[in-house]
Amino acid sequence: MALRAVTTAGRVASKAAKAAKKTKKKGNLPEGTKSRSTIRGAQRKAFPDVYADPRLLAEEAASRTAEELPAMKQLFGVNREELAGMASERGLGAESYVQPPAKARGAESAQMVMGKANTQRLVDILAEGEKYPRLSQGMDAWYEMGPAHQRLVSLLGPEAGGEEFKRLNTIIGIMSANSDVPTEMRRGTGANWLNNLNRIDDFIKYGGKQSAEGRPADMAGIPGHFAHKTAHGVPLQNYLAAGELQMQSPKVPTYIQSSLPEELGGSWRTPVGDAHWSRAVGLADTRNTKKIKGEEVVPGESVTTPELNTLTPWWAGISEEVGLKPVPAQARLWGLASGATGVESPVGASKLEMLSNMIMQRAKELGVDPETFRDYVLTGGKIGLSSGGILGTMGAFAEEGDK
């Protein structure tokens, strides 16, 4: 029997709904929101608002939809709607980087979220997204980076442009671990720029703290990171040494592959199981508790490989029910449930749109031509601007307010 793409879970009483309009808070559902778990045998409700009425989740997310600025259209020739059109024409692509072993047992925590009620809840939430095209268009195309790849092809040719894009995309993707998107882009473009200068050792040595003694002045625009060595530095070194990604956890590899065009090996078969998606599907409520430094913590981290292998076929069915592929469906759910899972920033702008806005803003700060700066960022300093003076000191992007 086909799943019903209608709202049936977590109904909110009319009184609470009226109060919601008065008490709505940025990044959170209104006080008084009712929720009832749709997972039989769940250990907890770590993020209770994920079980709220899907209509209310979508309404809250739509209220935080990012304004579409003209930067992406100017720099890459597409607006939000046109990029969504490109994304809708993609196939599933290559086989996923993450493959289950021949005799995989599966994960009990994942199996528990695959019941009928919880499955229907997720279908309902995704279906609600259709009512808010400004939000759904941006989220459905969140991983579509084709225009950036094509710009590098026009600059360097098909082979060199493809290799340049894959390297930039991988380095930025490695920086996504425990980072928000602006941080991953600043650190990723900075690391790529230093690598092109044969100075990746500077990034490894000084990339952790901006206040590190001896940190080169031209790294001022590269943010530090609390997990620099383990989450970023070691994987980056391994990647550059081997020429291919060598990571065991599934989130970053699937994130990197999802941002690749199909012709470069991109795949939209396996959802990117980051922490917010894990919380939205209910994994934080079915996992066993963990202790860190003697204290119990909410198990709301990104998916494990056994969990992802168990959930991937199930998620493909949910995605198909609402006319999406697994990766765009993951991104849409990320946006729609963002208020419930702890995202407070605006949603609805794709990765390419966010990159475009950052390029435009930084070009304005530096007083340089945005199109020229775009090429400088994409090529890691090889094309576009002089390597001397202030233009050689930003690694691509500076911290907010750093000029």
Protein backbone atom coordinates (compact mmCIF):
# COMPACT_ATOMS: atom_id res chain seq x y z
CA MET A 1 0.00 0.00 0.00
CA ALA A 2 1.34 3.40 -0.96
CA LEU A 3 2.14 5.83 1.81
CA ARG A 4 -0.21 8.76 2.11
CA ALA A 5 1.46 12.09 1.38
CA VAL A 6 -0.86 13.96 3.73
CA THR A 7 -0.46 15.34 7.20
CA THR A 8 -1.57 12.81 9.81
CA ALA A 9 1.00 12.94 12.62
CA GLY A 10 1.40 15.18 15.65
CA ARG A 11 -1.78 17.27 15.32
CA VAL A 12 -1.73 20.58 17.16
CA ALA A 13 -4.89 21.81 18.85
CA SER A 14 -6.39 24.99 17.45
CA LYS A 15 -5.79 26.84 20.71
CA ALA A 16 -2.09 26.00 20.63
CA ALA A 17 -1.90 26.89 16.95
CA LYS A 18 -3.31 30.36 17.65
CA ALA A 19 -0.85 30.86 20.49
CA ALA A 20 1.96 29.78 18.20
CA LYS A 21 1.62 32.86 16.06
CA LYS A 22 2.23 35.04 19.11
CA THR A 23 5.06 33.09 20.69
CA LYS A 24 7.12 32.01 17.69
CA LYS A 25 10.84 32.23 18.36
CA LYS A 26 13.67 32.21 15.84
CA GLY A 27 14.87 28.69 15.20
CA ASN A 28 12.28 27.08 17.54
CA LEU A 29 8.69 26.01 17.41
CA PRO A 30 6.26 27.95 19.60
CA GLU A 31 5.86 27.19 23.26
CA GLY A 32 2.90 24.91 23.82
CA THR A 33 3.53 22.89 20.69
CA LYS A 34 2.25 19.35 21.17
CA SER A 35 4.17 16.33 19.99
CA ARG A 36 3.76 12.60 20.27
CA SER A 37 6.48 10.15 19.36
CA THR A 38 5.81 8.02 16.30
CA ILE A 39 8.48 5.46 17.25
CA ARG A 40 7.34 2.40 19.14
CA GLY A 41 9.70 1.52 21.98
CA ALA A 42 11.68 4.77 21.81
CA GLN A 43 13.95 5.40 24.80
CA ARG A 44 13.30 9.15 24.94
CA LYS A 45 12.17 12.25 23.05
CA ALA A 46 15.49 14.05 22.78
CA PHE A 47 14.18 16.54 20.21
CA PRO A 48 10.43 16.41 20.87
CA ASP A 49 9.44 19.05 18.32
CA VAL A 50 10.39 16.75 15.42
CA TYR A 51 7.10 14.95 16.20
CA ALA A 52 5.00 18.12 15.99
CA ASP A 53 2.39 18.68 13.31
CA PRO A 54 4.25 18.65 9.95
CA ARG A 55 2.26 21.69 8.89
CA LEU A 56 3.62 23.63 11.84
CA LEU A 57 7.18 22.46 11.16
CA ALA A 58 6.95 23.62 7.55
CA GLU A 59 5.38 26.94 8.53
CA GLU A 60 8.13 27.63 11.05
CA ALA A 61 10.86 26.74 8.55
CA ALA A 62 9.25 28.87 5.85
CA SER A 63 9.32 31.84 8.23
CA ARG A 64 13.12 31.56 8.24
CA THR A 65 13.58 31.14 4.49
CA ALA A 66 16.62 33.11 3.40
CA GLU A 67 16.05 36.02 1.07
CA GLU A 68 17.33 35.27 -2.41
CA LEU A 69 20.02 37.77 -3.37
CA PRO A 70 21.16 38.41 -6.97
CA ALA A 71 24.70 37.07 -6.42
CA MET A 72 24.17 33.52 -7.72
CA LYS A 73 22.48 34.74 -10.89
CA GLN A 74 25.27 37.24 -11.55
CA LEU A 75 28.15 34.89 -10.80
CA PHE A 76 26.82 31.55 -12.05
CA GLY A 77 23.90 32.42 -14.32
CA VAL A 78 21.10 30.74 -12.37
CA ASN A 79 18.57 31.80 -9.78
CA ARG A 80 17.06 29.58 -7.08
CA GLU A 81 14.25 28.28 -9.28
CA GLU A 82 16.57 27.56 -12.21
CA LEU A 83 19.05 25.69 -10.02
CA ALA A 84 16.17 23.60 -8.69
CA GLY A 85 15.25 22.80 -12.27
CA MET A 86 18.79 21.58 -12.91
CA ALA A 87 18.65 19.42 -9.81
CA SER A 88 15.32 17.88 -10.81
CA GLU A 89 16.83 16.65 -14.09
CA ARG A 90 19.64 14.71 -12.43
CA GLY A 91 19.68 10.96 -12.14
CA LEU A 92 20.77 8.92 -9.16
CA GLY A 93 24.36 9.00 -10.42
CA ALA A 94 27.21 6.71 -9.46
CA GLU A 95 27.22 4.07 -6.78
CA SER A 96 27.61 5.51 -3.31
CA TYR A 97 30.99 5.75 -1.62
CA VAL A 98 29.35 3.99 1.33
CA GLN A 99 28.49 0.36 0.60
CA PRO A 100 27.21 -2.23 3.10
CA PRO A 101 29.35 -5.31 3.69
CA ALA A 102 28.11 -8.59 2.25
CA LYS A 103 26.86 -9.83 5.63
CA ALA A 104 25.72 -6.63 7.29
CA ARG A 105 23.68 -7.13 10.47
CA GLY A 106 22.12 -3.70 10.37
CA ALA A 107 21.63 -1.34 13.29
CA GLU A 108 18.83 -1.82 15.80
CA SER A 109 18.61 1.93 16.38
CA ALA A 110 17.91 2.40 12.66
CA GLN A 111 15.45 -0.47 12.43
CA MET A 112 13.35 1.09 15.19
CA VAL A 113 12.72 4.30 13.22
CA MET A 114 11.45 2.41 10.16
CA GLY A 115 7.98 1.66 11.51
CA LYS A 116 4.81 2.69 9.65
CA ALA A 117 3.88 5.65 11.86
CA ASN A 118 7.33 7.20 11.78
CA THR A 119 7.64 6.57 8.04
CA GLN A 120 4.33 8.31 7.43
CA ARG A 121 5.40 11.24 9.61
CA LEU A 122 8.43 11.83 7.43
CA VAL A 123 6.41 11.55 4.21
CA ASP A 124 4.00 14.11 5.62
CA ILE A 125 6.75 16.57 6.48
CA LEU A 126 8.34 16.31 3.05
CA ALA A 127 4.95 16.72 1.37
CA GLU A 128 4.31 19.91 3.35
CA GLY A 129 7.42 21.40 1.75
CA GLU A 130 5.61 21.63 -1.59
CA LYS A 131 3.52 24.45 -0.16
CA TYR A 132 6.60 26.66 0.24
CA PRO A 133 8.48 26.74 -3.09
CA ARG A 134 10.95 29.41 -2.00
CA LEU A 135 12.09 27.03 0.72
CA SER A 136 11.80 23.70 -1.12
CA GLN A 137 13.51 24.91 -4.29
CA GLY A 138 16.59 25.96 -2.39
CA MET A 139 16.71 22.84 -0.25
CA ASP A 140 16.01 20.39 -3.09
CA ALA A 141 18.93 21.90 -5.02
CA TRP A 142 21.17 22.29 -1.97
CA TYR A 143 23.88 19.97 -3.31
CA GLU A 144 23.67 21.08 -6.96
CA MET A 145 27.09 22.57 -7.74
CA GLY A 146 27.06 22.08 -11.51
CA PRO A 147 27.41 25.77 -12.43
CA ALA A 148 30.62 26.07 -10.36
CA HIS A 149 32.06 23.01 -12.08
CA GLN A 150 31.13 24.38 -15.49
CA ARG A 151 32.86 27.69 -14.72
CA LEU A 152 36.07 25.81 -13.94
CA VAL A 153 35.71 23.85 -17.17
CA SER A 154 35.38 27.11 -19.11
CA LEU A 155 38.54 28.41 -17.42
CA LEU A 156 40.73 25.31 -17.48
CA GLY A 157 39.17 22.83 -19.89
CA PRO A 158 37.18 19.65 -19.17
CA GLU A 159 39.91 17.52 -17.62
CA ALA A 160 41.78 20.14 -15.60
CA GLY A 161 38.54 21.90 -14.63
CA GLY A 162 37.07 18.64 -13.41
CA GLU A 163 40.12 17.81 -11.32
CA GLU A 164 40.21 21.32 -9.86
CA PHE A 165 36.56 21.11 -8.87
CA LYS A 166 36.90 17.65 -7.31
CA ARG A 167 39.86 18.78 -5.21
CA LEU A 168 38.15 21.99 -4.06
CA ASN A 169 34.91 20.13 -3.31
CA THR A 170 36.72 17.45 -1.34
CA ILE A 171 38.76 19.88 0.73
CA ILE A 172 35.68 21.96 1.55
CA GLY A 173 33.81 18.76 2.38
CA ILE A 174 36.51 17.62 4.79
CA MET A 175 36.11 20.94 6.60
CA SER A 176 32.38 20.28 7.06
CA ALA A 177 32.96 18.03 10.06
CA ASN A 178 31.70 19.88 13.17
CA SER A 179 31.36 23.11 11.18
CA ASP A 180 28.61 25.35 9.91
CA VAL A 181 28.61 26.00 6.16
CA PRO A 182 30.30 29.45 6.22
CA THR A 183 33.10 28.03 8.38
CA GLU A 184 33.61 25.01 6.15
CA MET A 185 33.80 27.28 3.09
CA ARG A 186 36.24 29.70 4.67
CA ARG A 187 38.49 26.92 5.93
CA GLY A 188 38.13 24.85 2.78
CA THR A 189 38.90 27.62 0.31
CA GLY A 190 41.76 28.75 2.54
CA ALA A 191 43.27 25.27 2.72
CA ASN A 192 42.90 24.86 -1.04
CA TRP A 193 44.61 28.19 -1.62
CA LEU A 194 47.51 27.26 0.67
CA ASN A 195 47.81 23.86 -1.00
CA ASN A 196 48.18 25.57 -4.38
CA LEU A 197 51.01 27.61 -2.87
CA ASN A 198 52.69 24.39 -1.63
CA ARG A 199 52.00 25.56 1.92
CA ILE A 200 49.56 22.98 3.21
CA ASP A 201 51.93 22.44 6.16
CA ASP A 202 51.05 25.97 7.30
CA PHE A 203 47.40 25.03 7.40
CA ILE A 204 48.12 21.85 9.32
CA LYS A 205 50.34 23.64 11.83
CA TYR A 206 48.45 26.90 12.30
CA GLY A 207 44.87 26.18 11.21
CA GLY A 208 43.61 25.25 14.67
CA LYS A 209 43.80 28.62 16.40
CA GLN A 210 43.82 32.05 14.86
CA SER A 211 45.87 33.23 17.83
CA ALA A 212 48.55 30.56 17.38
CA GLU A 213 52.06 31.92 17.84
CA GLY A 214 53.85 32.21 14.52
CA ARG A 215 50.68 31.99 12.43
CA PRO A 216 51.38 33.63 9.06
CA ALA A 217 49.67 36.98 8.58
CA ASP A 218 48.13 35.85 5.30
CA MET A 219 46.11 33.21 7.16
CA ALA A 220 44.18 35.86 9.10
CA GLY A 221 40.98 35.15 7.16
CA ILE A 222 40.98 31.41 7.86
CA PRO A 223 38.91 30.56 10.96
CA GLY A 224 40.33 28.26 13.59
CA HIS A 225 38.56 25.08 14.65
CA PHE A 226 38.35 23.17 17.93
CA ALA A 227 38.76 19.80 16.18
CA HIS A 228 41.30 21.01 13.63
CA LYS A 229 43.83 18.20 13.98
CA THR A 230 41.60 15.14 14.24
CA ALA A 231 38.52 16.13 12.21
CA HIS A 232 40.21 18.23 9.53
CA GLY A 233 44.00 18.07 9.53
CA VAL A 234 44.61 14.32 9.47
CA PRO A 235 41.90 13.55 6.86
CA LEU A 236 43.20 16.40 4.69
CA GLN A 237 46.77 15.16 4.86
CA ASN A 238 45.67 11.63 4.04
CA TYR A 239 43.61 12.83 1.09
CA LEU A 240 46.39 14.94 -0.40
CA ALA A 241 48.95 12.16 0.08
CA ALA A 242 46.81 9.39 -1.44
CA GLY A 243 44.83 11.40 -3.98
CA GLU A 244 41.58 9.96 -2.66
CA LEU A 245 39.42 10.28 0.42
CA GLN A 246 40.26 7.93 3.26
CA MET A 247 37.60 8.27 5.95
CA GLN A 248 35.65 5.58 7.79
CA SER A 249 32.68 7.60 9.04
CA PRO A 250 29.97 7.98 6.37
CA LYS A 251 28.77 11.56 6.76
CA VAL A 252 31.66 13.45 5.14
CA PRO A 253 32.19 11.03 2.20
CA THR A 254 28.49 11.09 1.28
CA TYR A 255 28.46 14.89 1.68
CA ILE A 256 31.40 15.23 -0.71
CA GLN A 257 29.93 12.84 -3.27
CA SER A 258 26.52 14.52 -3.13
CA SER A 259 28.10 17.85 -4.13
CA LEU A 260 29.77 16.37 -7.23
CA PRO A 261 28.12 16.61 -10.66
CA GLU A 262 27.11 13.27 -12.14
CA GLU A 263 29.90 13.42 -14.74
CA LEU A 264 32.47 13.58 -11.94
CA GLY A 265 31.05 10.62 -10.02
CA GLY A 266 28.37 12.37 -8.05
CA SER A 267 25.70 10.25 -6.42
CA TRP A 268 22.28 11.06 -5.01
CA ARG A 269 21.55 7.49 -3.91
CA THR A 270 22.51 7.72 -0.24
CA PRO A 271 21.28 10.45 2.12
CA VAL A 272 23.83 12.62 3.87
CA GLY A 273 23.21 11.51 7.43
CA ASP A 274 24.36 14.52 9.37
CA ALA A 275 23.30 15.20 12.95
CA HIS A 276 20.19 17.20 12.04
CA TRP A 277 18.88 14.55 9.66
CA SER A 278 19.57 11.89 12.29
CA ARG A 279 17.54 13.84 14.82
CA ALA A 280 14.71 14.46 12.36
CA VAL A 281 14.25 10.77 11.53
CA GLY A 282 14.34 9.86 15.23
CA LEU A 283 17.70 8.21 15.76
CA ALA A 284 18.43 10.33 18.83
CA ASP A 285 15.52 8.55 20.52
CA THR A 286 16.47 4.96 19.66
CA ARG A 287 20.20 4.92 20.36
CA ASN A 288 21.71 3.81 23.62
CA THR A 289 23.02 6.58 25.84
CA LYS A 290 26.66 7.57 25.81
CA LYS A 291 28.86 9.08 28.47
CA ILE A 292 31.46 11.71 27.75
CA LYS A 293 33.76 12.62 30.63
CA GLY A 294 31.39 10.90 33.01
CA GLU A 295 28.26 12.73 31.87
CA GLU A 296 25.42 11.28 29.84
CA VAL A 297 24.85 13.12 26.55
CA VAL A 298 21.98 13.12 24.10
CA PRO A 299 22.94 10.73 21.27
CA GLY A 300 22.08 13.19 18.52
CA GLU A 301 25.21 12.87 16.39
CA SER A 302 25.40 11.99 12.68
CA VAL A 303 24.72 8.47 11.43
CA THR A 304 27.05 5.54 11.83
CA THR A 305 27.85 3.32 8.85
CA PRO A 306 25.60 0.45 10.08
CA GLU A 307 22.74 2.93 10.61
CA LEU A 308 23.16 4.47 7.17
CA ASN A 309 23.35 1.09 5.45
CA THR A 310 20.14 0.05 7.22
CA LEU A 311 18.27 3.27 6.47
CA THR A 312 19.27 3.90 2.85
CA PRO A 313 16.73 1.58 1.14
CA TRP A 314 14.00 2.78 3.51
CA TRP A 315 14.80 6.41 2.81
CA ALA A 316 14.77 5.74 -0.95
CA GLY A 317 11.15 4.60 -0.61
CA ILE A 318 10.16 7.70 1.35
CA SER A 319 11.89 9.94 -1.19
CA GLU A 320 10.19 8.25 -4.12
CA GLU A 321 6.80 8.67 -2.47
CA VAL A 322 7.15 12.46 -2.65
CA GLY A 323 8.86 12.54 -6.06
CA LEU A 324 12.41 13.19 -4.87
CA LYS A 325 15.74 11.42 -4.95
CA PRO A 326 17.28 10.45 -1.60
CA VAL A 327 19.79 13.31 -1.37
CA PRO A 328 17.40 16.18 -2.23
CA ALA A 329 14.86 14.60 0.12
CA GLN A 330 17.44 14.61 2.92
CA ALA A 331 18.15 18.28 2.27
CA ARG A 332 14.45 19.16 2.21
CA LEU A 333 13.85 17.39 5.52
CA TRP A 334 16.91 19.15 6.96
CA GLY A 335 15.31 22.49 6.14
CA LEU A 336 11.74 21.67 7.11
CA ALA A 337 12.66 20.18 10.49
CA SER A 338 15.47 22.62 11.17
CA GLY A 339 13.65 24.49 13.93
CA ALA A 340 13.00 21.23 15.75
CA THR A 341 16.51 19.85 15.41
CA GLY A 342 18.32 22.97 16.59
CA VAL A 343 19.13 24.96 13.44
CA GLU A 344 18.63 28.65 14.10
CA SER A 345 20.03 30.10 10.88
CA PRO A 346 17.90 30.82 7.79
CA VAL A 347 17.17 27.93 5.48
CA GLY A 348 16.36 27.74 1.78
CA ALA A 349 19.66 28.92 0.27
CA SER A 350 21.61 26.18 -1.49
CA LYS A 351 25.32 25.58 -1.08
CA LEU A 352 26.01 27.35 -4.38
CA GLU A 353 23.83 30.28 -3.36
CA MET A 354 25.65 30.63 -0.05
CA LEU A 355 29.02 30.46 -1.80
CA SER A 356 27.89 33.12 -4.27
CA ASN A 357 26.75 35.45 -1.50
CA MET A 358 30.08 35.05 0.30
CA ILE A 359 32.05 35.76 -2.87
CA MET A 360 29.98 38.86 -3.60
CA GLN A 361 30.32 40.18 -0.06
CA ARG A 362 34.07 39.63 0.09
CA ALA A 363 34.62 41.16 -3.35
CA LYS A 364 32.74 44.23 -2.16
CA GLU A 365 34.88 44.45 0.97
CA LEU A 366 38.07 44.21 -1.08
CA GLY A 367 36.84 46.53 -3.81
CA VAL A 368 37.48 44.01 -6.59
CA ASP A 369 35.39 42.75 -9.49
CA PRO A 370 33.06 39.96 -8.26
CA GLU A 371 33.45 37.81 -11.39
CA THR A 372 37.22 38.03 -11.14
CA PHE A 373 37.10 37.13 -7.48
CA ARG A 374 34.81 34.20 -8.25
CA ASP A 375 37.49 32.74 -10.52
CA TYR A 376 40.13 33.37 -7.88
CA VAL A 377 38.13 31.46 -5.29
CA LEU A 378 37.28 28.53 -7.56
CA THR A 379 40.87 28.06 -8.74
CA GLY A 380 42.43 28.56 -5.33
CA GLY A 381 44.35 31.66 -6.41
CA LYS A 382 45.58 30.33 -9.77
CA ILE A 383 43.44 32.68 -11.84
CA GLY A 384 41.81 36.00 -11.22
CA LEU A 385 43.92 38.23 -9.01
CA SER A 386 47.46 39.15 -8.17
CA SER A 387 49.02 37.01 -5.45
CA GLY A 388 50.59 40.03 -3.77
CA GLY A 389 49.38 42.50 -1.19
CA ILE A 390 45.96 42.29 0.41
CA LEU A 391 44.63 40.12 -2.41
CA GLY A 392 47.00 37.39 -1.37
CA THR A 393 46.18 37.55 2.31
CA MET A 394 42.59 36.33 2.51
CA GLY A 395 42.85 32.72 1.50
CA ALA A 396 39.50 33.38 -0.17
CA PHE A 397 37.21 34.61 2.60
CA ALA A 398 37.79 36.55 5.76
CA GLU A 399 35.99 36.31 9.04
CA GLU A 400 33.03 38.63 9.32
CA GLY A 401 34.28 42.15 9.74
CA ASP A 402 37.89 41.27 8.82
CA LYS A 403 39.07 43.43 5.94
